[in-house]
Amino acid sequence: METLTDRDFYPAWHDALVLLNRDLAASEPEAEPFALLLNEYGVYVGFPSWGAQGSPLPEDPEAGLHQVADAAQESAMEHLWRVWPVCPDHGFGVHPRTEDGQVLWWCAGRGPDEGHGTPVGTFEARRAVSRRASKRRRGEVS
């Protein structure tokens, strides 16, 4: 696969990668950045040294952050062999969701009324220890 670096080719996709790479760096600091990869079947989101997983991005000028986030998530999970990204509050996998024109990483929380979203590009690093482990360290759990 060839890496697409020409910003004239769907500039919105390149802009989306900037945001997604911020989230990737915050949550997976050892991972190489996402890139747009081209082969005879289309443009994919993946990693230059590894490749991409899933379907090509739709050849649609309206395709933007939500579609690129979906594609990045699919490639990241296949490459990392785990869920990406993960909600720092709940430890659950999140999914791209568009609300009021903004693309969010959406976590369902621990119930139907606990859902919340974080704008793509502003994701925080996952907490290194679970809340239970943190309470155990403070002596709150036996």
N, C-alpha and C. Protein backbone atom coordinates (compact mmCIF):
# COMPACT_ATOMS: atom_id res chain seq x y z
N MET A 1 0.84 -1.18 0.00
CA MET A 1 0.00 0.00 0.00
C MET A 1 0.89 1.24 0.00
N GLU A 2 0.46 2.22 -0.73
CA GLU A 2 1.18 3.49 -0.83
C GLU A 2 0.59 4.48 0.18
N THR A 3 1.45 5.23 0.86
CA THR A 3 0.99 6.24 1.80
C THR A 3 0.66 7.52 1.04
N LEU A 4 -0.56 8.03 1.26
CA LEU A 4 -0.99 9.27 0.62
C LEU A 4 -0.60 10.45 1.49
N THR A 5 0.25 11.29 0.99
CA THR A 5 0.66 12.47 1.74
C THR A 5 0.15 13.76 1.12
N ASP A 6 -0.44 13.69 -0.08
CA ASP A 6 -0.93 14.87 -0.79
C ASP A 6 -2.22 15.36 -0.14
N ARG A 7 -2.15 16.51 0.52
CA ARG A 7 -3.32 17.06 1.21
C ARG A 7 -4.41 17.50 0.24
N ASP A 8 -4.12 17.63 -1.04
CA ASP A 8 -5.13 18.02 -2.02
C ASP A 8 -6.14 16.90 -2.25
N PHE A 9 -5.74 15.68 -1.93
CA PHE A 9 -6.62 14.53 -2.09
C PHE A 9 -7.45 14.40 -0.81
N TYR A 10 -8.71 14.83 -0.85
CA TYR A 10 -9.62 14.82 0.30
C TYR A 10 -8.96 15.43 1.54
N PRO A 11 -8.77 16.74 1.55
CA PRO A 11 -8.12 17.39 2.70
C PRO A 11 -8.83 17.12 4.03
N ALA A 12 -10.15 16.90 3.99
CA ALA A 12 -10.87 16.62 5.24
C ALA A 12 -10.37 15.32 5.89
N TRP A 13 -9.95 14.36 5.07
CA TRP A 13 -9.43 13.11 5.62
C TRP A 13 -8.10 13.36 6.33
N HIS A 14 -7.27 14.20 5.75
CA HIS A 14 -5.98 14.53 6.38
C HIS A 14 -6.22 15.29 7.69
N ASP A 15 -7.20 16.21 7.69
CA ASP A 15 -7.54 16.94 8.91
C ASP A 15 -8.05 15.98 9.99
N ALA A 16 -8.85 15.00 9.58
CA ALA A 16 -9.36 14.00 10.51
C ALA A 16 -8.22 13.19 11.12
N LEU A 17 -7.22 12.85 10.31
CA LEU A 17 -6.08 12.08 10.82
C LEU A 17 -5.32 12.85 11.90
N VAL A 18 -5.24 14.15 11.79
CA VAL A 18 -4.57 14.95 12.82
C VAL A 18 -5.25 14.72 14.17
N LEU A 19 -6.58 14.78 14.19
CA LEU A 19 -7.33 14.56 15.43
C LEU A 19 -7.19 13.13 15.93
N LEU A 20 -7.32 12.17 15.03
CA LEU A 20 -7.22 10.77 15.43
C LEU A 20 -5.82 10.43 15.94
N ASN A 21 -4.81 11.03 15.33
CA ASN A 21 -3.45 10.77 15.80
C ASN A 21 -3.20 11.37 17.17
N ARG A 22 -3.89 12.46 17.52
CA ARG A 22 -3.80 12.99 18.89
C ARG A 22 -4.34 11.96 19.88
N ASP A 23 -5.50 11.39 19.54
CA ASP A 23 -6.10 10.38 20.42
C ASP A 23 -5.24 9.13 20.51
N LEU A 24 -4.67 8.73 19.39
CA LEU A 24 -3.80 7.55 19.39
C LEU A 24 -2.56 7.79 20.24
N ALA A 25 -1.95 8.96 20.11
CA ALA A 25 -0.75 9.28 20.89
C ALA A 25 -1.07 9.35 22.39
N ALA A 26 -2.24 9.84 22.74
CA ALA A 26 -2.62 9.93 24.15
C ALA A 26 -2.87 8.56 24.77
N SER A 27 -3.45 7.66 23.98
CA SER A 27 -3.84 6.37 24.54
C SER A 27 -2.88 5.23 24.22
N GLU A 28 -2.12 5.37 23.15
CA GLU A 28 -1.17 4.32 22.73
C GLU A 28 0.13 5.01 22.31
N PRO A 29 0.90 5.56 23.26
CA PRO A 29 2.07 6.36 22.90
C PRO A 29 3.13 5.63 22.08
N GLU A 30 3.15 4.32 22.11
CA GLU A 30 4.15 3.56 21.36
C GLU A 30 3.73 3.30 19.91
N ALA A 31 2.46 3.54 19.59
CA ALA A 31 1.96 3.23 18.24
C ALA A 31 2.42 4.28 17.24
N GLU A 32 2.68 3.82 16.01
CA GLU A 32 3.01 4.78 14.96
C GLU A 32 1.72 5.49 14.55
N PRO A 33 1.81 6.68 14.00
CA PRO A 33 0.62 7.44 13.63
C PRO A 33 -0.17 6.79 12.49
N PHE A 34 -1.47 7.06 12.48
CA PHE A 34 -2.32 6.64 11.36
C PHE A 34 -1.89 7.37 10.10
N ALA A 35 -2.17 6.75 8.97
CA ALA A 35 -1.92 7.37 7.66
C ALA A 35 -3.02 6.93 6.70
N LEU A 36 -3.17 7.69 5.63
CA LEU A 36 -4.05 7.28 4.55
C LEU A 36 -3.23 6.39 3.62
N LEU A 37 -3.75 5.21 3.34
CA LEU A 37 -3.03 4.23 2.52
C LEU A 37 -3.86 3.92 1.28
N LEU A 38 -3.20 3.88 0.15
CA LEU A 38 -3.87 3.68 -1.14
C LEU A 38 -3.42 2.37 -1.76
N ASN A 39 -4.40 1.62 -2.27
CA ASN A 39 -4.09 0.48 -3.13
C ASN A 39 -5.10 0.48 -4.27
N GLU A 40 -5.12 -0.55 -5.04
CA GLU A 40 -6.00 -0.58 -6.22
C GLU A 40 -7.48 -0.58 -5.87
N TYR A 41 -7.84 -0.85 -4.62
CA TYR A 41 -9.24 -0.91 -4.23
C TYR A 41 -9.76 0.37 -3.59
N GLY A 42 -8.86 1.27 -3.20
CA GLY A 42 -9.31 2.52 -2.60
C GLY A 42 -8.34 3.03 -1.56
N VAL A 43 -8.85 3.96 -0.75
CA VAL A 43 -8.06 4.59 0.31
C VAL A 43 -8.51 4.03 1.65
N TYR A 44 -7.54 3.67 2.46
CA TYR A 44 -7.80 3.07 3.77
C TYR A 44 -7.10 3.91 4.84
N VAL A 45 -7.50 3.71 6.09
CA VAL A 45 -6.79 4.28 7.22
C VAL A 45 -6.05 3.14 7.89
N GLY A 46 -4.76 3.32 8.12
CA GLY A 46 -3.98 2.27 8.74
C GLY A 46 -2.63 2.78 9.17
N PHE A 47 -1.69 1.87 9.25
CA PHE A 47 -0.34 2.17 9.70
C PHE A 47 0.63 1.84 8.55
N PRO A 48 1.50 2.78 8.18
CA PRO A 48 2.38 2.56 7.04
C PRO A 48 3.20 1.27 7.13
N SER A 49 3.66 0.90 8.31
CA SER A 49 4.50 -0.29 8.43
C SER A 49 3.69 -1.58 8.50
N TRP A 50 2.39 -1.47 8.69
CA TRP A 50 1.57 -2.66 8.88
C TRP A 50 0.51 -2.82 7.82
N GLY A 51 -0.14 -1.75 7.44
CA GLY A 51 -1.23 -1.81 6.48
C GLY A 51 -2.53 -1.37 7.12
N ALA A 52 -3.63 -1.82 6.55
CA ALA A 52 -4.95 -1.40 7.02
C ALA A 52 -5.89 -2.58 7.04
N GLN A 53 -6.96 -2.43 7.76
CA GLN A 53 -7.98 -3.46 7.89
C GLN A 53 -9.33 -2.84 7.55
N GLY A 54 -10.25 -3.62 7.03
CA GLY A 54 -11.60 -3.13 6.80
C GLY A 54 -11.84 -2.66 5.39
N SER A 55 -12.85 -1.82 5.26
CA SER A 55 -13.29 -1.32 3.96
C SER A 55 -12.61 0.00 3.62
N PRO A 56 -12.50 0.30 2.33
CA PRO A 56 -11.94 1.60 1.97
C PRO A 56 -12.88 2.73 2.36
N LEU A 57 -12.34 3.93 2.49
CA LEU A 57 -13.15 5.10 2.76
C LEU A 57 -14.05 5.36 1.56
N PRO A 58 -15.27 5.84 1.79
CA PRO A 58 -16.18 6.11 0.67
C PRO A 58 -15.67 7.28 -0.17
N GLU A 59 -15.72 7.13 -1.48
CA GLU A 59 -15.30 8.21 -2.37
C GLU A 59 -16.42 9.23 -2.45
N ASP A 60 -16.53 10.01 -1.40
CA ASP A 60 -17.60 10.98 -1.25
C ASP A 60 -17.02 12.22 -0.59
N PRO A 61 -17.17 13.39 -1.23
CA PRO A 61 -16.61 14.60 -0.63
C PRO A 61 -17.18 14.92 0.75
N GLU A 62 -18.35 14.37 1.06
CA GLU A 62 -18.96 14.61 2.37
C GLU A 62 -18.39 13.67 3.44
N ALA A 63 -17.72 12.62 3.02
CA ALA A 63 -17.13 11.70 3.99
C ALA A 63 -16.07 12.46 4.78
N GLY A 64 -16.15 12.36 6.07
CA GLY A 64 -15.24 13.14 6.89
C GLY A 64 -14.82 12.40 8.14
N LEU A 65 -14.78 13.13 9.23
CA LEU A 65 -14.23 12.63 10.48
C LEU A 65 -14.89 11.34 10.95
N HIS A 66 -16.21 11.25 10.90
CA HIS A 66 -16.88 10.05 11.39
C HIS A 66 -16.41 8.81 10.63
N GLN A 67 -16.38 8.88 9.31
CA GLN A 67 -15.98 7.73 8.50
C GLN A 67 -14.50 7.40 8.71
N VAL A 68 -13.67 8.43 8.83
CA VAL A 68 -12.24 8.19 9.05
C VAL A 68 -12.03 7.59 10.44
N ALA A 69 -12.78 8.06 11.44
CA ALA A 69 -12.67 7.49 12.79
C ALA A 69 -13.09 6.03 12.80
N ASP A 70 -14.17 5.69 12.11
CA ASP A 70 -14.59 4.29 12.00
C ASP A 70 -13.48 3.43 11.41
N ALA A 71 -12.90 3.90 10.31
CA ALA A 71 -11.85 3.14 9.63
C ALA A 71 -10.60 3.03 10.50
N ALA A 72 -10.24 4.11 11.18
CA ALA A 72 -9.06 4.08 12.06
C ALA A 72 -9.27 3.10 13.21
N GLN A 73 -10.47 3.12 13.78
CA GLN A 73 -10.75 2.23 14.89
C GLN A 73 -10.63 0.76 14.45
N GLU A 74 -11.15 0.45 13.29
CA GLU A 74 -11.08 -0.93 12.80
C GLU A 74 -9.63 -1.38 12.60
N SER A 75 -8.83 -0.53 11.98
CA SER A 75 -7.42 -0.88 11.77
C SER A 75 -6.66 -0.96 13.08
N ALA A 76 -6.91 -0.02 13.98
CA ALA A 76 -6.20 -0.02 15.26
C ALA A 76 -6.49 -1.28 16.06
N MET A 77 -7.75 -1.69 16.12
CA MET A 77 -8.09 -2.87 16.90
C MET A 77 -7.48 -4.13 16.30
N GLU A 78 -7.44 -4.22 15.00
CA GLU A 78 -6.84 -5.38 14.36
C GLU A 78 -5.33 -5.39 14.57
N HIS A 79 -4.70 -4.23 14.49
CA HIS A 79 -3.25 -4.12 14.65
C HIS A 79 -2.83 -4.32 16.11
N LEU A 80 -3.57 -3.70 17.04
CA LEU A 80 -3.21 -3.78 18.47
C LEU A 80 -3.72 -5.06 19.15
N TRP A 81 -4.68 -5.71 18.54
CA TRP A 81 -5.32 -6.91 19.08
C TRP A 81 -6.05 -6.62 20.39
N ARG A 82 -6.64 -5.43 20.45
CA ARG A 82 -7.47 -5.07 21.60
C ARG A 82 -8.36 -3.90 21.20
N VAL A 83 -9.31 -3.60 22.06
CA VAL A 83 -10.23 -2.50 21.80
C VAL A 83 -9.46 -1.17 21.81
N TRP A 84 -9.79 -0.31 20.85
CA TRP A 84 -9.24 1.04 20.82
C TRP A 84 -10.28 1.96 20.23
N PRO A 85 -10.46 3.15 20.80
CA PRO A 85 -9.97 3.61 22.11
C PRO A 85 -10.86 3.11 23.23
N VAL A 86 -10.41 3.33 24.44
CA VAL A 86 -11.12 2.87 25.63
C VAL A 86 -11.47 4.08 26.49
N CYS A 87 -12.69 4.11 26.99
CA CYS A 87 -13.13 5.20 27.86
C CYS A 87 -12.26 5.22 29.12
N PRO A 88 -11.64 6.36 29.43
CA PRO A 88 -10.80 6.43 30.62
C PRO A 88 -11.60 6.34 31.92
N ASP A 89 -12.91 6.62 31.87
CA ASP A 89 -13.74 6.55 33.08
C ASP A 89 -14.27 5.15 33.37
N HIS A 90 -14.65 4.42 32.31
CA HIS A 90 -15.30 3.13 32.50
C HIS A 90 -14.48 1.93 32.05
N GLY A 91 -13.48 2.15 31.21
CA GLY A 91 -12.69 1.03 30.70
C GLY A 91 -13.37 0.29 29.58
N PHE A 92 -14.47 0.83 29.04
CA PHE A 92 -15.18 0.20 27.93
C PHE A 92 -14.70 0.79 26.61
N GLY A 93 -14.84 0.01 25.55
CA GLY A 93 -14.55 0.54 24.23
C GLY A 93 -15.58 1.60 23.86
N VAL A 94 -15.16 2.57 23.09
CA VAL A 94 -16.04 3.64 22.63
C VAL A 94 -16.16 3.56 21.11
N HIS A 95 -17.15 4.25 20.57
CA HIS A 95 -17.40 4.23 19.13
C HIS A 95 -17.67 5.65 18.65
N PRO A 96 -17.33 5.95 17.39
CA PRO A 96 -17.63 7.27 16.88
C PRO A 96 -19.14 7.47 16.76
N ARG A 97 -19.56 8.66 17.12
CA ARG A 97 -20.98 9.01 17.05
C ARG A 97 -21.06 10.51 16.75
N THR A 98 -21.95 10.89 15.86
CA THR A 98 -22.12 12.29 15.52
C THR A 98 -23.36 12.83 16.21
N GLU A 99 -23.17 13.90 16.98
CA GLU A 99 -24.29 14.58 17.64
C GLU A 99 -24.13 16.07 17.44
N ASP A 100 -25.19 16.70 16.96
CA ASP A 100 -25.19 18.15 16.73
C ASP A 100 -23.99 18.59 15.88
N GLY A 101 -23.65 17.77 14.89
CA GLY A 101 -22.58 18.11 13.98
C GLY A 101 -21.17 17.85 14.49
N GLN A 102 -21.06 17.35 15.71
CA GLN A 102 -19.75 17.07 16.29
C GLN A 102 -19.55 15.56 16.39
N VAL A 103 -18.35 15.11 16.01
CA VAL A 103 -18.03 13.68 16.11
C VAL A 103 -17.40 13.42 17.47
N LEU A 104 -17.98 12.47 18.18
CA LEU A 104 -17.57 12.13 19.54
C LEU A 104 -17.13 10.67 19.61
N TRP A 105 -16.23 10.38 20.54
CA TRP A 105 -16.01 8.99 20.95
C TRP A 105 -17.07 8.76 22.02
N TRP A 106 -18.02 7.87 21.76
CA TRP A 106 -19.17 7.68 22.63
C TRP A 106 -19.01 6.44 23.50
N CYS A 107 -19.19 6.61 24.80
CA CYS A 107 -19.18 5.51 25.77
C CYS A 107 -20.58 5.36 26.31
N ALA A 108 -21.07 4.14 26.35
CA ALA A 108 -22.40 3.88 26.88
C ALA A 108 -22.43 3.96 28.40
N GLY A 109 -21.28 4.03 29.03
CA GLY A 109 -21.24 4.11 30.50
C GLY A 109 -21.66 2.80 31.12
N ARG A 110 -22.15 2.88 32.30
CA ARG A 110 -22.57 1.67 33.01
C ARG A 110 -24.08 1.52 33.01
N GLY A 111 -24.76 2.24 32.15
CA GLY A 111 -26.20 2.13 32.05
C GLY A 111 -26.73 3.09 31.01
N PRO A 112 -28.01 2.96 30.67
CA PRO A 112 -28.56 3.78 29.59
C PRO A 112 -28.52 5.28 29.86
N ASP A 113 -28.51 5.68 31.12
CA ASP A 113 -28.49 7.11 31.44
C ASP A 113 -27.08 7.64 31.69
N GLU A 114 -26.08 6.79 31.55
CA GLU A 114 -24.72 7.21 31.86
C GLU A 114 -23.86 7.44 30.63
N GLY A 115 -24.42 7.40 29.45
CA GLY A 115 -23.64 7.59 28.25
C GLY A 115 -23.04 8.99 28.20
N HIS A 116 -21.87 9.08 27.59
CA HIS A 116 -21.22 10.37 27.44
C HIS A 116 -20.26 10.31 26.27
N GLY A 117 -19.94 11.48 25.74
CA GLY A 117 -19.04 11.54 24.60
C GLY A 117 -17.88 12.48 24.84
N THR A 118 -16.79 12.18 24.18
CA THR A 118 -15.60 13.01 24.20
C THR A 118 -15.30 13.36 22.75
N PRO A 119 -15.14 14.64 22.42
CA PRO A 119 -14.86 14.98 21.02
C PRO A 119 -13.59 14.28 20.52
N VAL A 120 -13.67 13.77 19.30
CA VAL A 120 -12.50 13.14 18.69
C VAL A 120 -11.39 14.18 18.64
N GLY A 121 -10.20 13.75 19.05
CA GLY A 121 -9.05 14.64 19.08
C GLY A 121 -8.73 15.17 20.46
N THR A 122 -9.60 14.87 21.44
CA THR A 122 -9.38 15.37 22.81
C THR A 122 -9.33 14.24 23.82
N PHE A 123 -9.09 13.03 23.36
CA PHE A 123 -9.12 11.87 24.24
C PHE A 123 -7.95 11.89 25.21
N GLU A 124 -8.21 11.45 26.42
CA GLU A 124 -7.17 11.38 27.45
C GLU A 124 -6.59 9.97 27.50
N ALA A 125 -5.41 9.88 28.06
CA ALA A 125 -4.80 8.56 28.24
C ALA A 125 -5.64 7.75 29.21
N ARG A 126 -5.70 6.46 28.96
CA ARG A 126 -6.44 5.57 29.85
C ARG A 126 -5.73 5.51 31.19
N ARG A 127 -6.51 5.50 32.22
CA ARG A 127 -5.90 5.39 33.55
C ARG A 127 -5.14 4.08 33.64
N ALA A 128 -3.98 4.12 34.27
CA ALA A 128 -3.11 2.94 34.33
C ALA A 128 -3.65 1.87 35.26
N VAL A 129 -4.44 2.25 36.25
CA VAL A 129 -4.99 1.27 37.18
C VAL A 129 -6.49 1.44 37.25
N SER A 130 -7.18 0.37 37.58
CA SER A 130 -8.63 0.44 37.71
C SER A 130 -9.00 1.18 38.98
N ARG A 131 -10.24 1.61 39.06
CA ARG A 131 -10.71 2.28 40.28
C ARG A 131 -10.62 1.35 41.48
N ARG A 132 -10.95 0.07 41.26
CA ARG A 132 -10.90 -0.90 42.35
C ARG A 132 -9.46 -1.03 42.87
N ALA A 133 -8.50 -1.13 41.95
CA ALA A 133 -7.10 -1.24 42.36
C ALA A 133 -6.66 0.03 43.10
N SER A 134 -7.15 1.18 42.65
CA SER A 134 -6.80 2.43 43.31
C SER A 134 -7.37 2.47 44.73
N LYS A 135 -8.62 2.01 44.90
CA LYS A 135 -9.23 1.96 46.24
C LYS A 135 -8.49 0.98 47.13
N ARG A 136 -8.07 -0.16 46.53
CA ARG A 136 -7.35 -1.16 47.30
C ARG A 136 -6.05 -0.57 47.83
N ARG A 137 -5.37 0.21 47.00
CA ARG A 137 -4.11 0.83 47.41
C ARG A 137 -4.33 1.81 48.56
N ARG A 138 -5.50 2.48 48.57
CA ARG A 138 -5.79 3.44 49.65
C ARG A 138 -6.40 2.75 50.88
N GLY A 139 -6.60 1.42 50.80
CA GLY A 139 -7.14 0.68 51.94
C GLY A 139 -8.64 0.71 52.04
N GLU A 140 -9.35 1.12 50.97
CA GLU A 140 -10.80 1.22 51.00
C GLU A 140 -11.49 -0.09 50.66
N VAL A 141 -10.75 -1.04 50.07
CA VAL A 141 -11.30 -2.35 49.70
C VAL A 141 -10.40 -3.40 50.32
N SER A 142 -11.04 -4.39 50.92
CA SER A 142 -10.21 -5.44 51.55
C SER A 142 -9.95 -6.58 50.61
